[in-house]
Amino acid sequence: MEYELTPMGRTLIEPAGALAEWAVEHDADIGRSQQQYDSRQT
């Protein structure tokens, strides 16, 4: 038996792709934000 997305699951392909593209596009900004957060004094 092979896994297959359901019709509802297939509706996530486009939004998940858009999210992945956004993450790649903003990778440097995300990295800077993570560094700023990690270096803050608590």
Protein backbone atom coordinates (compact mmCIF):
# COMPACT_ATOMS: atom_id res chain seq x y z
CA MET A 1 0.00 0.00 0.00
CA GLU A 2 1.36 3.40 -0.96
CA TYR A 3 0.57 6.69 0.77
CA GLU A 4 -1.51 9.16 -1.19
CA LEU A 5 -2.85 12.57 -0.22
CA THR A 6 -6.56 12.91 0.14
CA PRO A 7 -8.35 15.55 -1.92
CA MET A 8 -8.38 17.79 1.18
CA GLY A 9 -4.66 17.15 1.74
CA ARG A 10 -3.93 18.15 -1.85
CA THR A 11 -5.45 21.57 -1.12
CA LEU A 12 -2.43 22.24 1.13
CA ILE A 13 0.13 21.86 -1.66
CA GLU A 14 -0.16 25.44 -2.93
CA PRO A 15 -0.20 27.16 0.51
CA ALA A 16 2.69 25.00 1.75
CA GLY A 17 4.68 25.87 -1.37
CA ALA A 18 3.99 29.57 -0.83
CA LEU A 19 5.15 29.28 2.79
CA ALA A 20 8.35 27.53 1.68
CA GLU A 21 9.03 30.24 -0.91
CA TRP A 22 8.46 32.94 1.74
CA ALA A 23 10.88 31.22 4.12
CA VAL A 24 13.58 31.00 1.45
CA GLU A 25 13.03 34.64 0.46
CA HIS A 26 13.29 35.82 4.08
CA ASP A 27 16.00 33.42 5.26
CA ALA A 28 18.55 36.16 6.04
CA ASP A 29 15.99 38.23 7.96
CA ILE A 30 14.87 35.18 9.91
CA GLY A 31 18.49 34.39 10.81
CA ARG A 32 19.10 37.95 12.02
CA SER A 33 15.94 37.90 14.10
CA GLN A 34 16.96 34.59 15.67
CA GLN A 35 20.41 35.97 16.53
CA GLN A 36 18.87 39.11 18.07
CA TYR A 37 16.45 37.01 20.11
CA ASP A 38 19.17 34.60 21.27
CA SER A 39 21.51 37.41 22.31
CA ARG A 40 18.97 39.35 24.37
CA GLN A 41 19.42 39.51 28.10
CA THR A 42 16.67 37.94 30.13
